[in-house]
Amino acid sequence: MSDIITLKQLCVELKLDRREARERLRTAARDPKKHSELAKLHKPRAPWSWVKGSAGEKEARGLFATK
């Protein structure tokens, strides 16, 4: 079974506010040209989670690295 990383774990690791993180992810998911993996993986009303080491996780981390 592959490891899953949740938004909660990512926020604790990167010391981010969860509400702000969700807001930034939703905004990024609406722009599929710029953030294709986030747009593809996002499901409304579903928790944000990624397979560890996946392109989606890397894209999310990159989104939070640019404050």
PDB file of N, CA and C in Angstrom:
ATOM      1  N   MET A   1       0.843  -1.186   0.000  1.00  0.00           N
ATOM      2  CA  MET A   1       0.000   0.000   0.000  1.00  0.00           C
ATOM      3  C   MET A   1       0.884   1.243   0.000  1.00  0.00           C
ATOM      4  N   SER A   2       0.517   2.224  -0.773  1.00  0.00           N
ATOM      5  CA  SER A   2       1.325   3.437  -0.866  1.00  0.00           C
ATOM      6  C   SER A   2       1.001   4.380   0.294  1.00  0.00           C
ATOM      7  N   ASP A   3       1.968   5.172   0.662  1.00  0.00           N
ATOM      8  CA  ASP A   3       1.788   6.133   1.744  1.00  0.00           C
ATOM      9  C   ASP A   3       0.982   7.322   1.241  1.00  0.00           C
ATOM     10  N   ILE A   4       0.076   7.776   2.070  1.00  0.00           N
ATOM     11  CA  ILE A   4      -0.767   8.922   1.752  1.00  0.00           C
ATOM     12  C   ILE A   4      -0.371  10.065   2.685  1.00  0.00           C
ATOM     13  N   ILE A   5      -0.268  11.254   2.135  1.00  0.00           N
ATOM     14  CA  ILE A   5      -0.019  12.437   2.948  1.00  0.00           C
ATOM     15  C   ILE A   5      -1.245  13.338   2.834  1.00  0.00           C
ATOM     16  N   THR A   6      -1.758  13.782   3.975  1.00  0.00           N
ATOM     17  CA  THR A   6      -2.949  14.622   3.995  1.00  0.00           C
ATOM     18  C   THR A   6      -2.555  16.084   4.112  1.00  0.00           C
ATOM     19  N   LEU A   7      -3.508  16.936   3.877  1.00  0.00           N
ATOM     20  CA  LEU A   7      -3.262  18.368   4.006  1.00  0.00           C
ATOM     21  C   LEU A   7      -2.908  18.710   5.446  1.00  0.00           C
ATOM     22  N   LYS A   8      -3.532  18.057   6.400  1.00  0.00           N
ATOM     23  CA  LYS A   8      -3.240  18.303   7.810  1.00  0.00           C
ATOM     24  C   LYS A   8      -1.771  18.003   8.115  1.00  0.00           C
ATOM     25  N   GLN A   9      -1.271  16.878   7.627  1.00  0.00           N
ATOM     26  CA  GLN A   9       0.130  16.523   7.850  1.00  0.00           C
ATOM     27  C   GLN A   9       1.062  17.528   7.179  1.00  0.00           C
ATOM     28  N   LEU A  10       0.707  17.934   5.977  1.00  0.00           N
ATOM     29  CA  LEU A  10       1.520  18.893   5.236  1.00  0.00           C
ATOM     30  C   LEU A  10       1.561  20.244   5.953  1.00  0.00           C
ATOM     31  N   CYS A  11       0.430  20.667   6.496  1.00  0.00           N
ATOM     32  CA  CYS A  11       0.369  21.945   7.210  1.00  0.00           C
ATOM     33  C   CYS A  11       1.199  21.909   8.490  1.00  0.00           C
ATOM     34  N   VAL A  12       1.160  20.795   9.206  1.00  0.00           N
ATOM     35  CA  VAL A  12       1.967  20.666  10.418  1.00  0.00           C
ATOM     36  C   VAL A  12       3.445  20.712  10.057  1.00  0.00           C
ATOM     37  N   GLU A  13       3.815  19.985   9.023  1.00  0.00           N
ATOM     38  CA  GLU A  13       5.210  19.917   8.591  1.00  0.00           C
ATOM     39  C   GLU A  13       5.739  21.280   8.137  1.00  0.00           C
ATOM     40  N   LEU A  14       4.926  22.014   7.377  1.00  0.00           N
ATOM     41  CA  LEU A  14       5.357  23.294   6.823  1.00  0.00           C
ATOM     42  C   LEU A  14       4.938  24.499   7.672  1.00  0.00           C
ATOM     43  N   LYS A  15       4.268  24.231   8.811  1.00  0.00           N
ATOM     44  CA  LYS A  15       3.796  25.276   9.731  1.00  0.00           C
ATOM     45  C   LYS A  15       2.898  26.279   9.010  1.00  0.00           C
ATOM     46  N   LEU A  16       1.835  25.751   8.412  1.00  0.00           N
ATOM     47  CA  LEU A  16       0.878  26.565   7.671  1.00  0.00           C
ATOM     48  C   LEU A  16      -0.480  26.551   8.363  1.00  0.00           C
ATOM     49  N   ASP A  17      -1.254  27.578   8.124  1.00  0.00           N
ATOM     50  CA  ASP A  17      -2.632  27.619   8.589  1.00  0.00           C
ATOM     51  C   ASP A  17      -3.479  26.777   7.627  1.00  0.00           C
ATOM     52  N   ARG A  18      -4.253  25.841   8.161  1.00  0.00           N
ATOM     53  CA  ARG A  18      -5.010  24.931   7.288  1.00  0.00           C
ATOM     54  C   ARG A  18      -6.049  25.645   6.442  1.00  0.00           C
ATOM     55  N   ARG A  19      -6.708  26.630   7.018  1.00  0.00           N
ATOM     56  CA  ARG A  19      -7.740  27.354   6.260  1.00  0.00           C
ATOM     57  C   ARG A  19      -7.114  28.072   5.064  1.00  0.00           C
ATOM     58  N   GLU A  20      -6.003  28.748   5.293  1.00  0.00           N
ATOM     59  CA  GLU A  20      -5.316  29.453   4.214  1.00  0.00           C
ATOM     60  C   GLU A  20      -4.788  28.466   3.166  1.00  0.00           C
ATOM     61  N   ALA A  21      -4.299  27.322   3.621  1.00  0.00           N
ATOM     62  CA  ALA A  21      -3.782  26.310   2.705  1.00  0.00           C
ATOM     63  C   ALA A  21      -4.892  25.781   1.796  1.00  0.00           C
ATOM     64  N   ARG A  22      -6.060  25.485   2.362  1.00  0.00           N
ATOM     65  CA  ARG A  22      -7.193  25.000   1.553  1.00  0.00           C
ATOM     66  C   ARG A  22      -7.609  26.055   0.531  1.00  0.00           C
ATOM     67  N   GLU A  23      -7.621  27.311   0.969  1.00  0.00           N
ATOM     68  CA  GLU A  23      -7.987  28.403   0.080  1.00  0.00           C
ATOM     69  C   GLU A  23      -7.027  28.494  -1.106  1.00  0.00           C
ATOM     70  N   ARG A  24      -5.738  28.391  -0.826  1.00  0.00           N
ATOM     71  CA  ARG A  24      -4.732  28.459  -1.891  1.00  0.00           C
ATOM     72  C   ARG A  24      -4.837  27.262  -2.833  1.00  0.00           C
ATOM     73  N   LEU A  25      -5.127  26.084  -2.278  1.00  0.00           N
ATOM     74  CA  LEU A  25      -5.272  24.888  -3.112  1.00  0.00           C
ATOM     75  C   LEU A  25      -6.489  24.998  -4.026  1.00  0.00           C
ATOM     76  N   ARG A  26      -7.607  25.478  -3.477  1.00  0.00           N
ATOM     77  CA  ARG A  26      -8.813  25.629  -4.307  1.00  0.00           C
ATOM     78  C   ARG A  26      -8.573  26.623  -5.438  1.00  0.00           C
ATOM     79  N   THR A  27      -7.897  27.722  -5.123  1.00  0.00           N
ATOM     80  CA  THR A  27      -7.595  28.725  -6.144  1.00  0.00           C
ATOM     81  C   THR A  27      -6.699  28.127  -7.224  1.00  0.00           C
ATOM     82  N   ALA A  28      -5.694  27.390  -6.814  1.00  0.00           N
ATOM     83  CA  ALA A  28      -4.771  26.771  -7.775  1.00  0.00           C
ATOM     84  C   ALA A  28      -5.479  25.714  -8.621  1.00  0.00           C
ATOM     85  N   ALA A  29      -6.398  24.964  -8.025  1.00  0.00           N
ATOM     86  CA  ALA A  29      -7.097  23.906  -8.753  1.00  0.00           C
ATOM     87  C   ALA A  29      -8.006  24.472  -9.843  1.00  0.00           C
ATOM     88  N   ARG A  30      -8.398  25.721  -9.701  1.00  0.00           N
ATOM     89  CA  ARG A  30      -9.242  26.344 -10.728  1.00  0.00           C
ATOM     90  C   ARG A  30      -8.455  26.761 -11.960  1.00  0.00           C
ATOM     91  N   ASP A  31      -7.130  26.668 -11.899  1.00  0.00           N
ATOM     92  CA  ASP A  31      -6.279  27.065 -13.022  1.00  0.00           C
ATOM     93  C   ASP A  31      -5.533  25.834 -13.558  1.00  0.00           C
ATOM     94  N   PRO A  32      -6.195  25.016 -14.386  1.00  0.00           N
ATOM     95  CA  PRO A  32      -5.583  23.764 -14.838  1.00  0.00           C
ATOM     96  C   PRO A  32      -4.362  23.943 -15.735  1.00  0.00           C
ATOM     97  N   LYS A  33      -4.231  25.087 -16.388  1.00  0.00           N
ATOM     98  CA  LYS A  33      -3.052  25.286 -17.229  1.00  0.00           C
ATOM     99  C   LYS A  33      -1.795  25.449 -16.384  1.00  0.00           C
ATOM    100  N   LYS A  34      -1.923  26.121 -15.267  1.00  0.00           N
ATOM    101  CA  LYS A  34      -0.769  26.397 -14.410  1.00  0.00           C
ATOM    102  C   LYS A  34      -0.517  25.276 -13.403  1.00  0.00           C
ATOM    103  N   HIS A  35      -1.588  24.663 -12.889  1.00  0.00           N
ATOM    104  CA  HIS A  35      -1.485  23.624 -11.860  1.00  0.00           C
ATOM    105  C   HIS A  35      -2.286  22.397 -12.294  1.00  0.00           C
ATOM    106  N   SER A  36      -1.791  21.711 -13.285  1.00  0.00           N
ATOM    107  CA  SER A  36      -2.548  20.605 -13.883  1.00  0.00           C
ATOM    108  C   SER A  36      -2.793  19.448 -12.921  1.00  0.00           C
ATOM    109  N   GLU A  37      -1.805  19.079 -12.127  1.00  0.00           N
ATOM    110  CA  GLU A  37      -1.979  17.945 -11.213  1.00  0.00           C
ATOM    111  C   GLU A  37      -3.008  18.247 -10.124  1.00  0.00           C
ATOM    112  N   LEU A  38      -2.955  19.445  -9.560  1.00  0.00           N
ATOM    113  CA  LEU A  38      -3.925  19.809  -8.522  1.00  0.00           C
ATOM    114  C   LEU A  38      -5.331  19.849  -9.100  1.00  0.00           C
ATOM    115  N   ALA A  39      -5.479  20.372 -10.302  1.00  0.00           N
ATOM    116  CA  ALA A  39      -6.793  20.437 -10.935  1.00  0.00           C
ATOM    117  C   ALA A  39      -7.331  19.037 -11.228  1.00  0.00           C
ATOM    118  N   LYS A  40      -6.443  18.145 -11.630  1.00  0.00           N
ATOM    119  CA  LYS A  40      -6.855  16.782 -11.972  1.00  0.00           C
ATOM    120  C   LYS A  40      -7.245  15.988 -10.722  1.00  0.00           C
ATOM    121  N   LEU A  41      -6.526  16.189  -9.626  1.00  0.00           N
ATOM    122  CA  LEU A  41      -6.747  15.388  -8.420  1.00  0.00           C
ATOM    123  C   LEU A  41      -7.849  15.920  -7.515  1.00  0.00           C
ATOM    124  N   HIS A  42      -8.222  17.179  -7.661  1.00  0.00           N
ATOM    125  CA  HIS A  42      -9.199  17.778  -6.751  1.00  0.00           C
ATOM    126  C   HIS A  42     -10.606  17.254  -7.000  1.00  0.00           C
ATOM    127  N   LYS A  43     -11.228  16.792  -5.926  1.00  0.00           N
ATOM    128  CA  LYS A  43     -12.622  16.358  -5.954  1.00  0.00           C
ATOM    129  C   LYS A  43     -13.384  17.218  -4.949  1.00  0.00           C
ATOM    130  N   PRO A  44     -14.453  17.895  -5.367  1.00  0.00           N
ATOM    131  CA  PRO A  44     -15.217  18.726  -4.431  1.00  0.00           C
ATOM    132  C   PRO A  44     -15.709  17.924  -3.229  1.00  0.00           C
ATOM    133  N   ARG A  45     -15.660  18.557  -2.078  1.00  0.00           N
ATOM    134  CA  ARG A  45     -16.114  17.982  -0.801  1.00  0.00           C
ATOM    135  C   ARG A  45     -15.293  16.785  -0.326  1.00  0.00           C
ATOM    136  N   ALA A  46     -14.152  16.568  -0.942  1.00  0.00           N
ATOM    137  CA  ALA A  46     -13.264  15.476  -0.523  1.00  0.00           C
ATOM    138  C   ALA A  46     -12.033  16.084   0.140  1.00  0.00           C
ATOM    139  N   PRO A  47     -11.471  15.407   1.127  1.00  0.00           N
ATOM    140  CA  PRO A  47     -10.270  15.947   1.772  1.00  0.00           C
ATOM    141  C   PRO A  47      -9.078  15.944   0.815  1.00  0.00           C
ATOM    142  N   TRP A  48      -8.206  16.915   0.982  1.00  0.00           N
ATOM    143  CA  TRP A  48      -7.002  16.988   0.168  1.00  0.00           C
ATOM    144  C   TRP A  48      -6.018  15.944   0.658  1.00  0.00           C
ATOM    145  N   SER A  49      -5.564  15.090  -0.227  1.00  0.00           N
ATOM    146  CA  SER A  49      -4.548  14.090   0.110  1.00  0.00           C
ATOM    147  C   SER A  49      -3.837  13.679  -1.169  1.00  0.00           C
ATOM    148  N   TRP A  50      -2.583  13.251  -0.991  1.00  0.00           N
ATOM    149  CA  TRP A  50      -1.759  12.875  -2.129  1.00  0.00           C
ATOM    150  C   TRP A  50      -0.960  11.640  -1.779  1.00  0.00           C
ATOM    151  N   VAL A  51      -0.543  10.907  -2.798  1.00  0.00           N
ATOM    152  CA  VAL A  51       0.375   9.796  -2.600  1.00  0.00           C
ATOM    153  C   VAL A  51       1.748  10.417  -2.379  1.00  0.00           C
ATOM    154  N   LYS A  52       2.450   9.924  -1.367  1.00  0.00           N
ATOM    155  CA  LYS A  52       3.762  10.470  -1.031  1.00  0.00           C
ATOM    156  C   LYS A  52       4.701  10.374  -2.233  1.00  0.00           C
ATOM    157  N   GLY A  53       5.324  11.501  -2.564  1.00  0.00           N
ATOM    158  CA  GLY A  53       6.272  11.539  -3.673  1.00  0.00           C
ATOM    159  C   GLY A  53       5.635  11.722  -5.041  1.00  0.00           C
ATOM    160  N   SER A  54       4.324  11.878  -5.096  1.00  0.00           N
ATOM    161  CA  SER A  54       3.639  12.021  -6.388  1.00  0.00           C
ATOM    162  C   SER A  54       3.801  13.437  -6.936  1.00  0.00           C
ATOM    163  N   ALA A  55       3.428  13.603  -8.188  1.00  0.00           N
ATOM    164  CA  ALA A  55       3.502  14.910  -8.830  1.00  0.00           C
ATOM    165  C   ALA A  55       2.541  15.891  -8.160  1.00  0.00           C
ATOM    166  N   GLY A  56       1.403  15.403  -7.697  1.00  0.00           N
ATOM    167  CA  GLY A  56       0.436  16.257  -7.006  1.00  0.00           C
ATOM    168  C   GLY A  56       0.984  16.806  -5.707  1.00  0.00           C
ATOM    169  N   GLU A  57       1.670  15.962  -4.954  1.00  0.00           N
ATOM    170  CA  GLU A  57       2.270  16.420  -3.691  1.00  0.00           C
ATOM    171  C   GLU A  57       3.356  17.455  -3.970  1.00  0.00           C
ATOM    172  N   LYS A  58       4.175  17.201  -4.964  1.00  0.00           N
ATOM    173  CA  LYS A  58       5.245  18.142  -5.309  1.00  0.00           C
ATOM    174  C   LYS A  58       4.669  19.483  -5.751  1.00  0.00           C
ATOM    175  N   GLU A  59       3.574  19.442  -6.498  1.00  0.00           N
ATOM    176  CA  GLU A  59       2.941  20.675  -6.952  1.00  0.00           C
ATOM    177  C   GLU A  59       2.353  21.442  -5.771  1.00  0.00           C
ATOM    178  N   ALA A  60       1.755  20.729  -4.813  1.00  0.00           N
ATOM    179  CA  ALA A  60       1.197  21.379  -3.619  1.00  0.00           C
ATOM    180  C   ALA A  60       2.308  21.998  -2.784  1.00  0.00           C
ATOM    181  N   ARG A  61       3.398  21.267  -2.588  1.00  0.00           N
ATOM    182  CA  ARG A  61       4.516  21.814  -1.818  1.00  0.00           C
ATOM    183  C   ARG A  61       5.095  23.046  -2.519  1.00  0.00           C
ATOM    184  N   GLY A  62       5.168  23.002  -3.837  1.00  0.00           N
ATOM    185  CA  GLY A  62       5.654  24.146  -4.595  1.00  0.00           C
ATOM    186  C   GLY A  62       4.731  25.355  -4.444  1.00  0.00           C
ATOM    187  N   LEU A  63       3.447  25.106  -4.344  1.00  0.00           N
ATOM    188  CA  LEU A  63       2.472  26.175  -4.164  1.00  0.00           C
ATOM    189  C   LEU A  63       2.694  26.849  -2.813  1.00  0.00           C
ATOM    190  N   PHE A  64       2.986  26.078  -1.787  1.00  0.00           N
ATOM    191  CA  PHE A  64       3.187  26.641  -0.448  1.00  0.00           C
ATOM    192  C   PHE A  64       4.572  27.241  -0.268  1.00  0.00           C
ATOM    193  N   ALA A  65       5.512  26.864  -1.100  1.00  0.00           N
ATOM    194  CA  ALA A  65       6.869  27.414  -1.013  1.00  0.00           C
ATOM    195  C   ALA A  65       6.894  28.854  -1.520  1.00  0.00           C
ATOM    196  N   THR A  66       5.934  29.200  -2.376  1.00  0.00           N
ATOM    197  CA  THR A  66       5.868  30.567  -2.912  1.00  0.00           C
ATOM    198  C   THR A  66       4.814  31.349  -2.164  1.00  0.00           C
ATOM    199  N   LYS A  67       5.175  31.869  -1.019  1.00  0.00           N
ATOM    200  CA  LYS A  67       4.223  32.642  -0.213  1.00  0.00           C
ATOM    201  C   LYS A  67       4.116  33.990  -0.733  1.00  0.00           C
TER     202      LYS A  67
END
